[in-house]
Amino acid sequence: MQTSRVRVVEEVEHLVSAFSSEGKTTVFVALDSKVVGLITLADTPKPDATETVELLRKLKIKVMMLTGDNERTAQAIGEQLGITNIIAQVLPSHKSREVARLQAEGEVVAMVGDGINDAPALAQADLGFAVGTGMDVAIEAADVVLMRDHLTDVPVAIDLSRATVRRIHTNFIWAVLYNLFSIPIAAGCLFPVGLMLRPVYASMAMALSSVSVVTSSLLLRRYKPPGYARQDGYQGEVIPLWRQIWQALTGGLHTNRGYQRMEQSMDDSMA
């Protein structure tokens, strides 16, 4: 308002300060260099935003908020969500710079956004999450698109990826130890001491190795995401473990089990 040479009286400044402390952004309406009205805008946090922050902290993930709002508005919203690390009045290009700065410090950065202003930071981040209801530019720049409008899917995706990596490591260690023990016996290295493995038993041992790894991997289907009790989209389809193993071995296990179908219409703009 100063650059436009509009005089703001003290009473109006107090009102603006009060609105900012409530997390609202104020738009001035001026006529003939005088303030004649105020318009307050509020960007209400999503209902599950606070729970998402708590779940991320439980996963030992630092949470930071980058926003273009002024400092007081950002602090007010941060208090509602329980976020203390806040950077306000950030331009879109500055968001990507902040992400790059954290990466230069050795941090692995994930960015969550849904607007055009978030696209540069989503592209810069090591992992970009875009809300499916957001802008197309943000969706194209992201690595992961949340098809549901639930922010709690962010910690769920991170936790599931960690569980998958842990399972891969477990399977790898098991396969290495199993083969280190079995291959010398199957190759006849212990024949001089009277220990010999017949071909039919060697074949059965090889099959057992594959079945054990498949069985271990299928245990991921019993995964329950953080905040599972509140989620209504992860019930899935309960299949007995023995049936899962049989379907996996016979090629009958479909990857779409346990997911809700999303209806999508096709028009001329979609290719």
C-alpha atoms as a PDB file:
ATOM      1  CA  MET A   1       0.000   0.000   0.000  1.00  0.00           C
ATOM      2  CA  GLN A   2       2.936   2.330   0.614  1.00  0.00           C
ATOM      3  CA  THR A   3       4.174   1.948  -2.961  1.00  0.00           C
ATOM      4  CA  SER A   4       0.689   2.892  -4.174  1.00  0.00           C
ATOM      5  CA  ARG A   5       0.701   5.883  -1.792  1.00  0.00           C
ATOM      6  CA  VAL A   6      -2.410   4.699  -0.010  1.00  0.00           C
ATOM      7  CA  ARG A   7      -2.654   5.837   3.584  1.00  0.00           C
ATOM      8  CA  VAL A   8      -3.578   3.102   6.062  1.00  0.00           C
ATOM      9  CA  VAL A   9      -4.915   4.338   9.385  1.00  0.00           C
ATOM     10  CA  GLU A  10      -3.933   2.681  12.648  1.00  0.00           C
ATOM     11  CA  GLU A  11      -7.375   1.142  13.146  1.00  0.00           C
ATOM     12  CA  VAL A  12      -7.117  -0.663   9.811  1.00  0.00           C
ATOM     13  CA  GLU A  13      -3.617  -1.881  10.662  1.00  0.00           C
ATOM     14  CA  HIS A  14      -4.960  -3.422  13.878  1.00  0.00           C
ATOM     15  CA  LEU A  15      -7.697  -5.173  11.906  1.00  0.00           C
ATOM     16  CA  VAL A  16      -5.192  -6.543   9.404  1.00  0.00           C
ATOM     17  CA  SER A  17      -2.968  -7.733  12.239  1.00  0.00           C
ATOM     18  CA  ALA A  18      -5.905  -9.499  13.887  1.00  0.00           C
ATOM     19  CA  PHE A  19      -6.890 -11.177  10.622  1.00  0.00           C
ATOM     20  CA  SER A  20      -3.307 -12.328  10.042  1.00  0.00           C
ATOM     21  CA  SER A  21      -3.126 -13.876  13.504  1.00  0.00           C
ATOM     22  CA  GLU A  22      -6.192 -15.923  12.529  1.00  0.00           C
ATOM     23  CA  GLY A  23      -4.451 -17.228   9.423  1.00  0.00           C
ATOM     24  CA  LYS A  24      -6.301 -14.948   7.019  1.00  0.00           C
ATOM     25  CA  THR A  25      -4.895 -12.927   4.125  1.00  0.00           C
ATOM     26  CA  THR A  26      -6.202  -9.373   3.740  1.00  0.00           C
ATOM     27  CA  VAL A  27      -6.911  -7.619   0.440  1.00  0.00           C
ATOM     28  CA  PHE A  28      -7.216  -3.823   0.557  1.00  0.00           C
ATOM     29  CA  VAL A  29      -9.805  -1.919  -1.443  1.00  0.00           C
ATOM     30  CA  ALA A  30      -8.717   1.704  -2.000  1.00  0.00           C
ATOM     31  CA  LEU A  31     -10.344   4.695  -3.657  1.00  0.00           C
ATOM     32  CA  ASP A  32      -8.645   8.064  -4.115  1.00  0.00           C
ATOM     33  CA  SER A  33      -5.658   6.947  -2.012  1.00  0.00           C
ATOM     34  CA  LYS A  34      -7.917   5.939   0.867  1.00  0.00           C
ATOM     35  CA  VAL A  35      -8.791   2.504   2.175  1.00  0.00           C
ATOM     36  CA  VAL A  36     -12.524   2.023   1.730  1.00  0.00           C
ATOM     37  CA  GLY A  37     -12.787  -1.717   2.357  1.00  0.00           C
ATOM     38  CA  LEU A  38     -11.071  -4.929   3.343  1.00  0.00           C
ATOM     39  CA  ILE A  39     -11.513  -8.443   1.956  1.00  0.00           C
ATOM     40  CA  THR A  40     -10.193 -11.362   3.996  1.00  0.00           C
ATOM     41  CA  LEU A  41      -9.287 -14.675   2.409  1.00  0.00           C
ATOM     42  CA  ALA A  42      -8.658 -17.874   4.332  1.00  0.00           C
ATOM     43  CA  ASP A  43      -7.060 -21.050   3.006  1.00  0.00           C
ATOM     44  CA  THR A  44      -8.455 -23.639   5.402  1.00  0.00           C
ATOM     45  CA  PRO A  45      -6.152 -26.632   5.999  1.00  0.00           C
ATOM     46  CA  LYS A  46      -7.472 -30.019   4.913  1.00  0.00           C
ATOM     47  CA  PRO A  47      -9.222 -31.983   7.684  1.00  0.00           C
ATOM     48  CA  ASP A  48      -6.508 -34.653   7.721  1.00  0.00           C
ATOM     49  CA  ALA A  49      -3.559 -32.235   7.527  1.00  0.00           C
ATOM     50  CA  THR A  50      -2.811 -32.341  11.264  1.00  0.00           C
ATOM     51  CA  GLU A  51      -2.935 -36.142  11.336  1.00  0.00           C
ATOM     52  CA  THR A  52      -0.636 -36.270   8.307  1.00  0.00           C
ATOM     53  CA  VAL A  53       1.960 -34.119  10.075  1.00  0.00           C
ATOM     54  CA  GLU A  54       1.789 -36.371  13.144  1.00  0.00           C
ATOM     55  CA  LEU A  55       2.198 -39.525  11.045  1.00  0.00           C
ATOM     56  CA  LEU A  56       5.193 -38.059   9.215  1.00  0.00           C
ATOM     57  CA  ARG A  57       6.845 -37.217  12.528  1.00  0.00           C
ATOM     58  CA  LYS A  58       6.273 -40.786  13.721  1.00  0.00           C
ATOM     59  CA  LEU A  59       8.140 -41.894  10.595  1.00  0.00           C
ATOM     60  CA  LYS A  60      11.078 -39.685  11.717  1.00  0.00           C
ATOM     61  CA  ILE A  61      10.509 -37.219   8.872  1.00  0.00           C
ATOM     62  CA  LYS A  62      11.084 -33.495   9.350  1.00  0.00           C
ATOM     63  CA  VAL A  63       8.132 -31.378   8.244  1.00  0.00           C
ATOM     64  CA  MET A  64       8.559 -27.910   6.742  1.00  0.00           C
ATOM     65  CA  MET A  65       5.965 -25.532   5.315  1.00  0.00           C
ATOM     66  CA  LEU A  66       6.755 -23.298   2.326  1.00  0.00           C
ATOM     67  CA  THR A  67       4.082 -20.714   1.593  1.00  0.00           C
ATOM     68  CA  GLY A  68       3.580 -17.471  -0.239  1.00  0.00           C
ATOM     69  CA  ASP A  69       1.484 -16.061   2.621  1.00  0.00           C
ATOM     70  CA  ASN A  70       2.866 -13.412   4.951  1.00  0.00           C
ATOM     71  CA  GLU A  71       4.745 -14.349   8.103  1.00  0.00           C
ATOM     72  CA  ARG A  72       1.898 -13.907  10.599  1.00  0.00           C
ATOM     73  CA  THR A  73      -0.615 -15.831   8.485  1.00  0.00           C
ATOM     74  CA  ALA A  74       1.876 -18.643   7.949  1.00  0.00           C
ATOM     75  CA  GLN A  75       2.638 -18.841  11.666  1.00  0.00           C
ATOM     76  CA  ALA A  76      -1.075 -19.026  12.501  1.00  0.00           C
ATOM     77  CA  ILE A  77      -1.641 -21.902  10.067  1.00  0.00           C
ATOM     78  CA  GLY A  78       1.530 -23.592  11.278  1.00  0.00           C
ATOM     79  CA  GLU A  79       0.251 -23.507  14.861  1.00  0.00           C
ATOM     80  CA  GLN A  80      -2.972 -25.191  13.757  1.00  0.00           C
ATOM     81  CA  LEU A  81      -1.029 -27.987  12.064  1.00  0.00           C
ATOM     82  CA  GLY A  82       1.751 -28.293  14.627  1.00  0.00           C
ATOM     83  CA  ILE A  83       4.470 -27.166  12.195  1.00  0.00           C
ATOM     84  CA  THR A  84       7.244 -25.000  13.621  1.00  0.00           C
ATOM     85  CA  ASN A  85       9.645 -24.923  10.665  1.00  0.00           C
ATOM     86  CA  ILE A  86       7.991 -22.364   8.386  1.00  0.00           C
ATOM     87  CA  ILE A  87       9.283 -20.249   5.514  1.00  0.00           C
ATOM     88  CA  ALA A  88       6.779 -17.571   4.456  1.00  0.00           C
ATOM     89  CA  GLN A  89       6.467 -15.114   1.562  1.00  0.00           C
ATOM     90  CA  VAL A  90       8.159 -17.553  -0.794  1.00  0.00           C
ATOM     91  CA  LEU A  91       7.872 -17.160  -4.561  1.00  0.00           C
ATOM     92  CA  PRO A  92       7.534 -20.298  -6.744  1.00  0.00           C
ATOM     93  CA  SER A  93      11.163 -20.068  -7.859  1.00  0.00           C
ATOM     94  CA  HIS A  94      12.270 -19.596  -4.246  1.00  0.00           C
ATOM     95  CA  LYS A  95      10.473 -22.806  -3.246  1.00  0.00           C
ATOM     96  CA  SER A  96      12.647 -24.774  -5.650  1.00  0.00           C
ATOM     97  CA  ARG A  97      15.710 -22.940  -4.296  1.00  0.00           C
ATOM     98  CA  GLU A  98      14.826 -23.967  -0.750  1.00  0.00           C
ATOM     99  CA  VAL A  99      14.489 -27.566  -1.903  1.00  0.00           C
ATOM    100  CA  ALA A 100      17.871 -27.340  -3.642  1.00  0.00           C
ATOM    101  CA  ARG A 101      19.414 -25.828  -0.491  1.00  0.00           C
ATOM    102  CA  LEU A 102      18.203 -28.734   1.629  1.00  0.00           C
ATOM    103  CA  GLN A 103      19.517 -31.192  -0.939  1.00  0.00           C
ATOM    104  CA  ALA A 104      22.904 -29.456  -0.867  1.00  0.00           C
ATOM    105  CA  GLU A 105      22.941 -30.030   2.899  1.00  0.00           C
ATOM    106  CA  GLY A 106      22.586 -33.760   2.297  1.00  0.00           C
ATOM    107  CA  GLU A 107      18.858 -34.032   2.944  1.00  0.00           C
ATOM    108  CA  VAL A 108      16.507 -36.226   0.910  1.00  0.00           C
ATOM    109  CA  VAL A 109      13.572 -33.939   0.158  1.00  0.00           C
ATOM    110  CA  ALA A 110       9.957 -34.831  -0.596  1.00  0.00           C
ATOM    111  CA  MET A 111       7.568 -32.089  -1.713  1.00  0.00           C
ATOM    112  CA  VAL A 112       3.770 -32.114  -1.552  1.00  0.00           C
ATOM    113  CA  GLY A 113       1.808 -29.635  -3.665  1.00  0.00           C
ATOM    114  CA  ASP A 114      -1.210 -29.186  -5.889  1.00  0.00           C
ATOM    115  CA  GLY A 115      -0.828 -25.846  -7.655  1.00  0.00           C
ATOM    116  CA  ILE A 116       1.118 -24.210 -10.462  1.00  0.00           C
ATOM    117  CA  ASN A 117       3.296 -22.457  -7.877  1.00  0.00           C
ATOM    118  CA  ASP A 118       4.440 -25.843  -6.551  1.00  0.00           C
ATOM    119  CA  ALA A 119       5.506 -27.298  -9.914  1.00  0.00           C
ATOM    120  CA  PRO A 120       9.161 -26.069  -9.856  1.00  0.00           C
ATOM    121  CA  ALA A 121       9.682 -27.400  -6.322  1.00  0.00           C
ATOM    122  CA  LEU A 122       7.988 -30.704  -7.179  1.00  0.00           C
ATOM    123  CA  ALA A 123      10.351 -31.152 -10.112  1.00  0.00           C
ATOM    124  CA  GLN A 124      13.403 -30.223  -7.998  1.00  0.00           C
ATOM    125  CA  ALA A 125      12.574 -32.522  -5.070  1.00  0.00           C
ATOM    126  CA  ASP A 126      13.879 -36.068  -4.796  1.00  0.00           C
ATOM    127  CA  LEU A 127      10.272 -37.195  -4.477  1.00  0.00           C
ATOM    128  CA  GLY A 128       7.303 -35.093  -5.527  1.00  0.00           C
ATOM    129  CA  PHE A 129       3.732 -35.785  -4.374  1.00  0.00           C
ATOM    130  CA  ALA A 130       0.896 -34.135  -6.291  1.00  0.00           C
ATOM    131  CA  VAL A 131      -2.706 -34.237  -5.134  1.00  0.00           C
ATOM    132  CA  GLY A 132      -4.852 -35.716  -7.900  1.00  0.00           C
ATOM    133  CA  THR A 133      -7.367 -32.870  -7.647  1.00  0.00           C
ATOM    134  CA  GLY A 134      -4.625 -30.295  -8.281  1.00  0.00           C
ATOM    135  CA  MET A 135      -3.411 -28.551 -11.418  1.00  0.00           C
ATOM    136  CA  ASP A 136      -2.176 -30.561 -14.409  1.00  0.00           C
ATOM    137  CA  VAL A 137       1.192 -28.782 -14.291  1.00  0.00           C
ATOM    138  CA  ALA A 138       1.799 -29.962 -10.731  1.00  0.00           C
ATOM    139  CA  ILE A 139       0.692 -33.500 -11.584  1.00  0.00           C
ATOM    140  CA  GLU A 140       3.080 -33.684 -14.544  1.00  0.00           C
ATOM    141  CA  ALA A 141       6.004 -32.423 -12.443  1.00  0.00           C
ATOM    142  CA  ALA A 142       5.416 -34.882  -9.591  1.00  0.00           C
ATOM    143  CA  ASP A 143       6.719 -38.424  -9.171  1.00  0.00           C
ATOM    144  CA  VAL A 144       3.682 -39.683  -7.256  1.00  0.00           C
ATOM    145  CA  VAL A 145       0.061 -38.644  -7.824  1.00  0.00           C
ATOM    146  CA  LEU A 146      -2.406 -39.113  -4.960  1.00  0.00           C
ATOM    147  CA  MET A 147      -5.610 -40.219  -6.671  1.00  0.00           C
ATOM    148  CA  ARG A 148      -7.648 -39.573  -3.518  1.00  0.00           C
ATOM    149  CA  ASP A 149      -7.871 -36.170  -1.889  1.00  0.00           C
ATOM    150  CA  HIS A 150      -6.348 -37.562   1.322  1.00  0.00           C
ATOM    151  CA  LEU A 151      -3.043 -36.174   2.577  1.00  0.00           C
ATOM    152  CA  THR A 152      -2.630 -39.211   4.829  1.00  0.00           C
ATOM    153  CA  ASP A 153      -1.765 -41.148   1.668  1.00  0.00           C
ATOM    154  CA  VAL A 154       1.640 -39.408   1.756  1.00  0.00           C
ATOM    155  CA  PRO A 155       2.912 -41.122   4.945  1.00  0.00           C
ATOM    156  CA  VAL A 156       1.187 -44.322   3.809  1.00  0.00           C
ATOM    157  CA  ALA A 157       3.149 -44.307   0.537  1.00  0.00           C
ATOM    158  CA  ILE A 158       6.424 -43.627   2.357  1.00  0.00           C
ATOM    159  CA  ASP A 159       5.792 -46.305   4.975  1.00  0.00           C
ATOM    160  CA  LEU A 160       4.769 -48.856   2.329  1.00  0.00           C
ATOM    161  CA  SER A 161       7.909 -48.151   0.302  1.00  0.00           C
ATOM    162  CA  ARG A 162      10.042 -48.669   3.411  1.00  0.00           C
ATOM    163  CA  ALA A 163       8.258 -51.936   4.179  1.00  0.00           C
ATOM    164  CA  THR A 164       8.832 -53.083   0.596  1.00  0.00           C
ATOM    165  CA  VAL A 165      12.548 -52.284   0.734  1.00  0.00           C
ATOM    166  CA  ARG A 166      12.870 -54.098   4.066  1.00  0.00           C
ATOM    167  CA  ARG A 167      11.172 -57.136   2.543  1.00  0.00           C
ATOM    168  CA  ILE A 168      13.531 -57.030  -0.447  1.00  0.00           C
ATOM    169  CA  HIS A 169      16.544 -56.950   1.874  1.00  0.00           C
ATOM    170  CA  THR A 170      15.126 -59.838   3.918  1.00  0.00           C
ATOM    171  CA  ASN A 171      14.529 -61.930   0.794  1.00  0.00           C
ATOM    172  CA  PHE A 172      18.011 -61.172  -0.520  1.00  0.00           C
ATOM    173  CA  ILE A 173      19.741 -62.149   2.732  1.00  0.00           C
ATOM    174  CA  TRP A 174      17.678 -65.328   2.986  1.00  0.00           C
ATOM    175  CA  ALA A 175      18.406 -66.310  -0.635  1.00  0.00           C
ATOM    176  CA  VAL A 176      22.151 -65.717  -0.217  1.00  0.00           C
ATOM    177  CA  LEU A 177      22.386 -67.751   2.997  1.00  0.00           C
ATOM    178  CA  TYR A 178      20.194 -70.521   1.606  1.00  0.00           C
ATOM    179  CA  ASN A 179      22.277 -70.865  -1.554  1.00  0.00           C
ATOM    180  CA  LEU A 180      25.592 -70.617   0.286  1.00  0.00           C
ATOM    181  CA  PHE A 181      24.494 -73.592   2.357  1.00  0.00           C
ATOM    182  CA  SER A 182      22.741 -75.629  -0.359  1.00  0.00           C
ATOM    183  CA  ILE A 183      24.916 -75.198  -3.468  1.00  0.00           C
ATOM    184  CA  PRO A 184      28.051 -76.841  -2.019  1.00  0.00           C
ATOM    185  CA  ILE A 185      25.957 -79.836  -0.954  1.00  0.00           C
ATOM    186  CA  ALA A 186      24.217 -80.087  -4.343  1.00  0.00           C
ATOM    187  CA  ALA A 187      27.591 -79.792  -6.131  1.00  0.00           C
ATOM    188  CA  GLY A 188      28.952 -82.782  -4.228  1.00  0.00           C
ATOM    189  CA  CYS A 189      31.571 -80.877  -2.250  1.00  0.00           C
ATOM    190  CA  LEU A 190      30.697 -82.912   0.840  1.00  0.00           C
ATOM    191  CA  PHE A 191      30.701 -86.265  -0.968  1.00  0.00           C
ATOM    192  CA  PRO A 192      34.084 -87.263   0.566  1.00  0.00           C
ATOM    193  CA  VAL A 193      32.472 -87.208   4.013  1.00  0.00           C
ATOM    194  CA  GLY A 194      29.499 -89.221   2.814  1.00  0.00           C
ATOM    195  CA  LEU A 195      27.003 -86.387   2.368  1.00  0.00           C
ATOM    196  CA  MET A 196      25.372 -86.450  -1.058  1.00  0.00           C
ATOM    197  CA  LEU A 197      22.204 -84.788  -2.330  1.00  0.00           C
ATOM    198  CA  ARG A 198      20.288 -86.715  -4.953  1.00  0.00           C
ATOM    199  CA  PRO A 199      19.104 -84.763  -8.050  1.00  0.00           C
ATOM    200  CA  VAL A 200      15.451 -85.101  -7.108  1.00  0.00           C
ATOM    201  CA  TYR A 201      16.139 -83.656  -3.663  1.00  0.00           C
ATOM    202  CA  ALA A 202      18.246 -80.885  -5.199  1.00  0.00           C
ATOM    203  CA  SER A 203      15.298 -79.945  -7.436  1.00  0.00           C
ATOM    204  CA  MET A 204      12.986 -79.877  -4.441  1.00  0.00           C
ATOM    205  CA  ALA A 205      15.448 -77.671  -2.545  1.00  0.00           C
ATOM    206  CA  MET A 206      15.575 -75.245  -5.478  1.00  0.00           C
ATOM    207  CA  ALA A 207      11.773 -75.087  -5.603  1.00  0.00           C
ATOM    208  CA  LEU A 208      11.673 -74.511  -1.856  1.00  0.00           C
ATOM    209  CA  SER A 209      13.982 -71.526  -2.282  1.00  0.00           C
ATOM    210  CA  SER A 210      11.612 -69.906  -4.794  1.00  0.00           C
ATOM    211  CA  VAL A 211       8.505 -70.691  -2.767  1.00  0.00           C
ATOM    212  CA  SER A 212      10.011 -69.217   0.394  1.00  0.00           C
ATOM    213  CA  VAL A 213      10.866 -65.934  -1.345  1.00  0.00           C
ATOM    214  CA  VAL A 214       7.404 -65.698  -2.933  1.00  0.00           C
ATOM    215  CA  THR A 215       5.751 -66.454   0.408  1.00  0.00           C
ATOM    216  CA  SER A 216       7.824 -63.784   2.123  1.00  0.00           C
ATOM    217  CA  SER A 217       6.893 -61.230  -0.550  1.00  0.00           C
ATOM    218  CA  LEU A 218       3.199 -62.063  -0.268  1.00  0.00           C
ATOM    219  CA  LEU A 219       3.308 -61.065   3.392  1.00  0.00           C
ATOM    220  CA  LEU A 220       3.288 -57.455   2.137  1.00  0.00           C
ATOM    221  CA  ARG A 221      -0.395 -57.966   1.394  1.00  0.00           C
ATOM    222  CA  ARG A 222      -0.952 -57.956   5.151  1.00  0.00           C
ATOM    223  CA  TYR A 223       0.509 -54.463   5.359  1.00  0.00           C
ATOM    224  CA  LYS A 224      -1.587 -51.963   7.294  1.00  0.00           C
ATOM    225  CA  PRO A 225      -0.849 -48.265   6.756  1.00  0.00           C
ATOM    226  CA  PRO A 226      -0.397 -45.725   9.578  1.00  0.00           C
ATOM    227  CA  GLY A 227      -3.710 -44.463  10.881  1.00  0.00           C
ATOM    228  CA  TYR A 228      -5.324 -47.598   9.479  1.00  0.00           C
ATOM    229  CA  ALA A 229      -8.384 -47.305  11.712  1.00  0.00           C
ATOM    230  CA  ARG A 230      -9.382 -44.009  10.088  1.00  0.00           C
ATOM    231  CA  GLN A 231      -8.773 -45.074   6.509  1.00  0.00           C
ATOM    232  CA  ASP A 232     -11.766 -46.350   4.598  1.00  0.00           C
ATOM    233  CA  GLY A 233     -10.021 -47.189   1.342  1.00  0.00           C
ATOM    234  CA  TYR A 234      -7.577 -49.880   2.382  1.00  0.00           C
ATOM    235  CA  GLN A 235      -9.829 -52.767   3.399  1.00  0.00           C
ATOM    236  CA  GLY A 236      -8.762 -54.739   0.351  1.00  0.00           C
ATOM    237  CA  GLU A 237      -9.764 -58.322  -0.315  1.00  0.00           C
ATOM    238  CA  VAL A 238      -8.835 -60.915   2.287  1.00  0.00           C
ATOM    239  CA  ILE A 239      -7.292 -63.965   0.619  1.00  0.00           C
ATOM    240  CA  PRO A 240      -5.903 -66.939   2.558  1.00  0.00           C
ATOM    241  CA  LEU A 241      -2.108 -67.093   2.455  1.00  0.00           C
ATOM    242  CA  TRP A 242      -2.072 -70.580   0.941  1.00  0.00           C
ATOM    243  CA  ARG A 243      -4.306 -69.361  -1.887  1.00  0.00           C
ATOM    244  CA  GLN A 244      -2.067 -66.331  -2.492  1.00  0.00           C
ATOM    245  CA  ILE A 245       0.956 -68.633  -2.820  1.00  0.00           C
ATOM    246  CA  TRP A 246      -0.869 -70.924  -5.246  1.00  0.00           C
ATOM    247  CA  GLN A 247      -2.089 -68.000  -7.362  1.00  0.00           C
ATOM    248  CA  ALA A 248       1.393 -66.477  -7.453  1.00  0.00           C
ATOM    249  CA  LEU A 249       2.944 -69.758  -8.604  1.00  0.00           C
ATOM    250  CA  THR A 250       0.274 -70.335 -11.250  1.00  0.00           C
ATOM    251  CA  GLY A 251       0.225 -66.728 -12.469  1.00  0.00           C
ATOM    252  CA  GLY A 252      -3.261 -66.047 -11.162  1.00  0.00           C
ATOM    253  CA  LEU A 253      -2.501 -63.344  -8.599  1.00  0.00           C
ATOM    254  CA  HIS A 254      -3.776 -60.004  -9.907  1.00  0.00           C
ATOM    255  CA  THR A 255      -2.125 -56.802  -8.781  1.00  0.00           C
ATOM    256  CA  ASN A 256      -5.420 -54.909  -8.733  1.00  0.00           C
ATOM    257  CA  ARG A 257      -6.782 -56.820  -5.748  1.00  0.00           C
ATOM    258  CA  GLY A 258      -7.494 -54.611  -2.765  1.00  0.00           C
ATOM    259  CA  TYR A 259      -7.790 -51.387  -4.770  1.00  0.00           C
ATOM    260  CA  GLN A 260     -10.902 -49.437  -5.563  1.00  0.00           C
ATOM    261  CA  ARG A 261     -11.723 -48.937  -9.209  1.00  0.00           C
ATOM    262  CA  MET A 262     -11.700 -45.330 -10.364  1.00  0.00           C
ATOM    263  CA  GLU A 263     -14.258 -44.515 -13.007  1.00  0.00           C
ATOM    264  CA  GLN A 264     -12.693 -42.460 -15.799  1.00  0.00           C
ATOM    265  CA  SER A 265     -14.510 -41.236 -18.858  1.00  0.00           C
ATOM    266  CA  MET A 266     -12.725 -40.807 -22.174  1.00  0.00           C
ATOM    267  CA  ASP A 267     -13.184 -37.705 -24.261  1.00  0.00           C
ATOM    268  CA  ASP A 268     -11.533 -36.198 -27.328  1.00  0.00           C
ATOM    269  CA  SER A 269      -8.903 -34.422 -25.220  1.00  0.00           C
ATOM    270  CA  MET A 270      -7.518 -37.685 -23.845  1.00  0.00           C
ATOM    271  CA  ALA A 271      -5.105 -39.790 -25.847  1.00  0.00           C
END
